[in-house]
Amino acid sequence: MDRTDAEQELTRLRDAIDRVDEVIVRLLNQRAKYAIEIGEIKAVLDMPIYAPEREKQVLLHVERTSDGPLDPATVRRLFERIIDESRRVERQATNRS
């Protein structure tokens, strides 16, 4: 591969990452919408926002789902943050703690 080919490939890969990032953002926003709906249902059922057992299930599920190159611990850390933000959105939408 010469320099010109390498530069073109770099541009192609960066464009591909941009497209993947756009999909990730859409999916994260959809996940947040579901979290808001869940929060509304939990309010009706008088359930707390924080559900440690459910979070444990989600984390185990995503760890098992990942087949690399991200290792399970990395996926877990990413989803811990996603869950934290989902919980925040859920609380904010339902004005609950």
N, C-alpha and C. Protein backbone atom coordinates (compact mmCIF):
# COMPACT_ATOMS: atom_id res chain seq x y z
N MET A 1 0.86 -1.17 0.00
CA MET A 1 0.00 0.00 0.00
C MET A 1 0.90 1.23 0.00
N ASP A 2 0.67 2.12 -0.93
CA ASP A 2 1.46 3.35 -0.95
C ASP A 2 0.76 4.43 -0.12
N ARG A 3 1.40 5.57 -0.03
CA ARG A 3 0.91 6.67 0.81
C ARG A 3 -0.49 7.14 0.40
N THR A 4 -0.72 7.27 -0.89
CA THR A 4 -2.03 7.71 -1.38
C THR A 4 -3.11 6.70 -1.01
N ASP A 5 -2.82 5.42 -1.21
CA ASP A 5 -3.77 4.37 -0.83
C ASP A 5 -4.05 4.40 0.67
N ALA A 6 -2.98 4.59 1.44
CA ALA A 6 -3.13 4.63 2.90
C ALA A 6 -3.99 5.80 3.33
N GLU A 7 -3.79 6.96 2.72
CA GLU A 7 -4.59 8.13 3.06
C GLU A 7 -6.06 7.92 2.69
N GLN A 8 -6.31 7.32 1.54
CA GLN A 8 -7.68 7.03 1.12
C GLN A 8 -8.34 6.02 2.06
N GLU A 9 -7.58 5.03 2.45
CA GLU A 9 -8.12 4.01 3.36
C GLU A 9 -8.43 4.62 4.73
N LEU A 10 -7.55 5.50 5.18
CA LEU A 10 -7.78 6.19 6.45
C LEU A 10 -9.07 7.00 6.39
N THR A 11 -9.27 7.73 5.31
CA THR A 11 -10.49 8.51 5.13
C THR A 11 -11.72 7.60 5.09
N ARG A 12 -11.62 6.50 4.37
CA ARG A 12 -12.74 5.55 4.29
C ARG A 12 -13.10 4.98 5.66
N LEU A 13 -12.09 4.60 6.42
CA LEU A 13 -12.33 4.02 7.74
C LEU A 13 -12.91 5.06 8.70
N ARG A 14 -12.42 6.28 8.63
CA ARG A 14 -12.96 7.34 9.49
C ARG A 14 -14.42 7.64 9.14
N ASP A 15 -14.74 7.64 7.86
CA ASP A 15 -16.12 7.83 7.43
C ASP A 15 -17.01 6.69 7.95
N ALA A 16 -16.47 5.47 7.89
CA ALA A 16 -17.21 4.31 8.39
C ALA A 16 -17.47 4.45 9.90
N ILE A 17 -16.46 4.90 10.64
CA ILE A 17 -16.63 5.12 12.08
C ILE A 17 -17.69 6.19 12.33
N ASP A 18 -17.68 7.25 11.54
CA ASP A 18 -18.70 8.29 11.69
C ASP A 18 -20.10 7.71 11.51
N ARG A 19 -20.27 6.84 10.54
CA ARG A 19 -21.59 6.22 10.31
C ARG A 19 -21.97 5.32 11.47
N VAL A 20 -21.02 4.56 11.97
CA VAL A 20 -21.28 3.70 13.14
C VAL A 20 -21.65 4.57 14.34
N ASP A 21 -20.93 5.66 14.56
CA ASP A 21 -21.23 6.56 15.67
C ASP A 21 -22.64 7.11 15.58
N GLU A 22 -23.08 7.44 14.37
CA GLU A 22 -24.44 7.94 14.19
C GLU A 22 -25.47 6.89 14.59
N VAL A 23 -25.22 5.65 14.25
CA VAL A 23 -26.12 4.56 14.63
C VAL A 23 -26.11 4.38 16.15
N ILE A 24 -24.93 4.44 16.75
CA ILE A 24 -24.82 4.30 18.21
C ILE A 24 -25.62 5.40 18.90
N VAL A 25 -25.51 6.63 18.43
CA VAL A 25 -26.25 7.74 19.04
C VAL A 25 -27.76 7.51 18.93
N ARG A 26 -28.21 7.08 17.75
CA ARG A 26 -29.65 6.80 17.59
C ARG A 26 -30.09 5.70 18.54
N LEU A 27 -29.30 4.66 18.67
CA LEU A 27 -29.65 3.55 19.55
C LEU A 27 -29.63 3.97 21.02
N LEU A 28 -28.66 4.78 21.41
CA LEU A 28 -28.61 5.26 22.79
C LEU A 28 -29.83 6.13 23.10
N ASN A 29 -30.24 6.95 22.16
CA ASN A 29 -31.44 7.76 22.37
C ASN A 29 -32.69 6.90 22.45
N GLN A 30 -32.76 5.85 21.64
CA GLN A 30 -33.90 4.92 21.74
C GLN A 30 -33.90 4.22 23.09
N ARG A 31 -32.72 3.83 23.55
CA ARG A 31 -32.62 3.19 24.86
C ARG A 31 -33.10 4.14 25.95
N ALA A 32 -32.73 5.40 25.85
CA ALA A 32 -33.15 6.40 26.83
C ALA A 32 -34.68 6.56 26.81
N LYS A 33 -35.28 6.53 25.63
CA LYS A 33 -36.74 6.62 25.54
C LYS A 33 -37.40 5.44 26.25
N TYR A 34 -36.84 4.25 26.06
CA TYR A 34 -37.36 3.08 26.78
C TYR A 34 -37.20 3.24 28.29
N ALA A 35 -36.07 3.78 28.72
CA ALA A 35 -35.84 4.01 30.15
C ALA A 35 -36.88 4.96 30.71
N ILE A 36 -37.23 5.99 29.96
CA ILE A 36 -38.26 6.93 30.41
C ILE A 36 -39.60 6.21 30.55
N GLU A 37 -39.94 5.39 29.57
CA GLU A 37 -41.20 4.64 29.65
C GLU A 37 -41.19 3.70 30.85
N ILE A 38 -40.06 3.05 31.08
CA ILE A 38 -39.95 2.16 32.23
C ILE A 38 -40.12 2.96 33.52
N GLY A 39 -39.51 4.14 33.58
CA GLY A 39 -39.65 4.99 34.76
C GLY A 39 -41.10 5.35 35.04
N GLU A 40 -41.84 5.64 33.98
CA GLU A 40 -43.26 5.97 34.14
C GLU A 40 -44.05 4.78 34.68
N ILE A 41 -43.74 3.59 34.18
CA ILE A 41 -44.40 2.38 34.66
C ILE A 41 -44.01 2.11 36.11
N LYS A 42 -42.74 2.28 36.43
CA LYS A 42 -42.29 2.08 37.82
C LYS A 42 -43.00 3.04 38.76
N ALA A 43 -43.26 4.26 38.32
CA ALA A 43 -43.97 5.23 39.16
C ALA A 43 -45.37 4.74 39.45
N VAL A 44 -46.05 4.22 38.44
CA VAL A 44 -47.41 3.68 38.63
C VAL A 44 -47.38 2.51 39.60
N LEU A 45 -46.35 1.68 39.47
CA LEU A 45 -46.23 0.49 40.33
C LEU A 45 -45.56 0.80 41.66
N ASP A 46 -45.20 2.06 41.87
CA ASP A 46 -44.51 2.49 43.09
C ASP A 46 -43.23 1.71 43.32
N MET A 47 -42.47 1.54 42.24
CA MET A 47 -41.19 0.84 42.31
C MET A 47 -40.06 1.86 42.27
N PRO A 48 -38.94 1.55 42.92
CA PRO A 48 -37.81 2.47 42.87
C PRO A 48 -37.17 2.49 41.48
N ILE A 49 -36.53 3.60 41.16
CA ILE A 49 -35.82 3.72 39.88
C ILE A 49 -34.65 2.73 39.84
N TYR A 50 -33.86 2.72 40.90
CA TYR A 50 -32.67 1.88 40.94
C TYR A 50 -33.06 0.44 41.19
N ALA A 51 -32.68 -0.44 40.26
CA ALA A 51 -32.99 -1.87 40.36
C ALA A 51 -31.68 -2.65 40.22
N PRO A 52 -30.96 -2.82 41.33
CA PRO A 52 -29.63 -3.44 41.24
C PRO A 52 -29.61 -4.83 40.61
N GLU A 53 -30.62 -5.63 40.87
CA GLU A 53 -30.65 -6.97 40.28
C GLU A 53 -30.80 -6.90 38.76
N ARG A 54 -31.66 -6.00 38.30
CA ARG A 54 -31.84 -5.84 36.85
C ARG A 54 -30.55 -5.33 36.21
N GLU A 55 -29.89 -4.38 36.86
CA GLU A 55 -28.63 -3.87 36.31
C GLU A 55 -27.59 -4.98 36.22
N LYS A 56 -27.56 -5.82 37.22
CA LYS A 56 -26.64 -6.96 37.21
C LYS A 56 -26.92 -7.86 36.01
N GLN A 57 -28.21 -8.11 35.75
CA GLN A 57 -28.61 -8.94 34.60
C GLN A 57 -28.17 -8.30 33.29
N VAL A 58 -28.39 -6.99 33.16
CA VAL A 58 -28.01 -6.28 31.93
C VAL A 58 -26.50 -6.38 31.71
N LEU A 59 -25.74 -6.14 32.77
CA LEU A 59 -24.28 -6.17 32.64
C LEU A 59 -23.78 -7.57 32.27
N LEU A 60 -24.33 -8.58 32.89
CA LEU A 60 -23.94 -9.95 32.53
C LEU A 60 -24.30 -10.25 31.08
N HIS A 61 -25.47 -9.79 30.66
CA HIS A 61 -25.91 -10.03 29.29
C HIS A 61 -24.97 -9.38 28.28
N VAL A 62 -24.61 -8.13 28.49
CA VAL A 62 -23.73 -7.46 27.52
C VAL A 62 -22.32 -8.03 27.54
N GLU A 63 -21.87 -8.44 28.71
CA GLU A 63 -20.54 -9.08 28.77
C GLU A 63 -20.54 -10.36 27.94
N ARG A 64 -21.60 -11.14 28.07
CA ARG A 64 -21.68 -12.41 27.33
C ARG A 64 -21.89 -12.19 25.83
N THR A 65 -22.52 -11.08 25.48
CA THR A 65 -22.83 -10.79 24.09
C THR A 65 -21.60 -10.37 23.31
N SER A 66 -20.65 -9.73 23.96
CA SER A 66 -19.47 -9.21 23.27
C SER A 66 -18.54 -10.34 22.86
N ASP A 67 -18.23 -10.37 21.56
CA ASP A 67 -17.28 -11.37 21.09
C ASP A 67 -15.99 -10.73 20.59
N GLY A 68 -15.72 -9.50 21.08
CA GLY A 68 -14.46 -8.84 20.81
C GLY A 68 -14.49 -7.98 19.57
N PRO A 69 -13.52 -7.17 19.40
CA PRO A 69 -12.25 -7.15 20.13
C PRO A 69 -12.32 -6.49 21.51
N LEU A 70 -13.45 -5.87 21.87
CA LEU A 70 -13.55 -5.32 23.23
C LEU A 70 -13.73 -6.47 24.21
N ASP A 71 -12.94 -6.48 25.27
CA ASP A 71 -13.07 -7.54 26.26
C ASP A 71 -14.30 -7.27 27.14
N PRO A 72 -14.81 -8.29 27.81
CA PRO A 72 -16.01 -8.14 28.62
C PRO A 72 -15.92 -7.03 29.68
N ALA A 73 -14.77 -6.85 30.29
CA ALA A 73 -14.62 -5.80 31.31
C ALA A 73 -14.80 -4.41 30.71
N THR A 74 -14.31 -4.23 29.51
CA THR A 74 -14.47 -2.94 28.82
C THR A 74 -15.93 -2.70 28.48
N VAL A 75 -16.59 -3.71 27.96
CA VAL A 75 -18.01 -3.60 27.63
C VAL A 75 -18.81 -3.29 28.89
N ARG A 76 -18.46 -3.95 29.98
CA ARG A 76 -19.14 -3.71 31.25
C ARG A 76 -19.00 -2.25 31.68
N ARG A 77 -17.79 -1.69 31.60
CA ARG A 77 -17.56 -0.29 31.98
C ARG A 77 -18.38 0.65 31.12
N LEU A 78 -18.41 0.40 29.82
CA LEU A 78 -19.21 1.24 28.92
C LEU A 78 -20.69 1.19 29.30
N PHE A 79 -21.19 0.00 29.56
CA PHE A 79 -22.60 -0.13 29.90
C PHE A 79 -22.93 0.37 31.30
N GLU A 80 -21.98 0.33 32.20
CA GLU A 80 -22.21 0.95 33.51
C GLU A 80 -22.51 2.43 33.34
N ARG A 81 -21.78 3.07 32.46
CA ARG A 81 -22.00 4.49 32.19
C ARG A 81 -23.34 4.72 31.48
N ILE A 82 -23.64 3.86 30.50
CA ILE A 82 -24.92 3.96 29.79
C ILE A 82 -26.08 3.78 30.77
N ILE A 83 -25.96 2.83 31.67
CA ILE A 83 -27.02 2.60 32.66
C ILE A 83 -27.14 3.79 33.59
N ASP A 84 -26.02 4.35 34.03
CA ASP A 84 -26.06 5.54 34.89
C ASP A 84 -26.83 6.67 34.22
N GLU A 85 -26.53 6.91 32.94
CA GLU A 85 -27.20 7.98 32.20
C GLU A 85 -28.67 7.65 31.96
N SER A 86 -28.97 6.40 31.71
CA SER A 86 -30.37 5.99 31.54
C SER A 86 -31.15 6.21 32.82
N ARG A 87 -30.54 5.88 33.94
CA ARG A 87 -31.19 6.09 35.24
C ARG A 87 -31.41 7.58 35.49
N ARG A 88 -30.44 8.40 35.11
CA ARG A 88 -30.57 9.85 35.28
C ARG A 88 -31.73 10.39 34.45
N VAL A 89 -31.81 9.95 33.21
CA VAL A 89 -32.90 10.39 32.33
C VAL A 89 -34.25 9.92 32.87
N GLU A 90 -34.27 8.70 33.36
CA GLU A 90 -35.49 8.14 33.95
C GLU A 90 -35.95 8.98 35.14
N ARG A 91 -35.00 9.31 36.01
CA ARG A 91 -35.33 10.14 37.18
C ARG A 91 -35.82 11.53 36.76
N GLN A 92 -35.09 12.13 35.84
CA GLN A 92 -35.41 13.47 35.37
C GLN A 92 -36.81 13.52 34.76
N ALA A 93 -37.14 12.51 33.96
CA ALA A 93 -38.43 12.49 33.28
C ALA A 93 -39.59 12.27 34.25
N THR A 94 -39.32 11.55 35.33
CA THR A 94 -40.40 11.24 36.27
C THR A 94 -40.31 12.04 37.55
N ASN A 95 -39.30 12.93 37.63
CA ASN A 95 -39.09 13.75 38.83
C ASN A 95 -39.06 12.92 40.10
N ARG A 96 -38.29 11.81 40.03
CA ARG A 96 -38.15 10.91 41.18
C ARG A 96 -36.68 10.70 41.48
N SER A 97 -36.41 10.24 42.70
CA SER A 97 -35.03 9.92 43.08
C SER A 97 -34.84 8.46 43.32
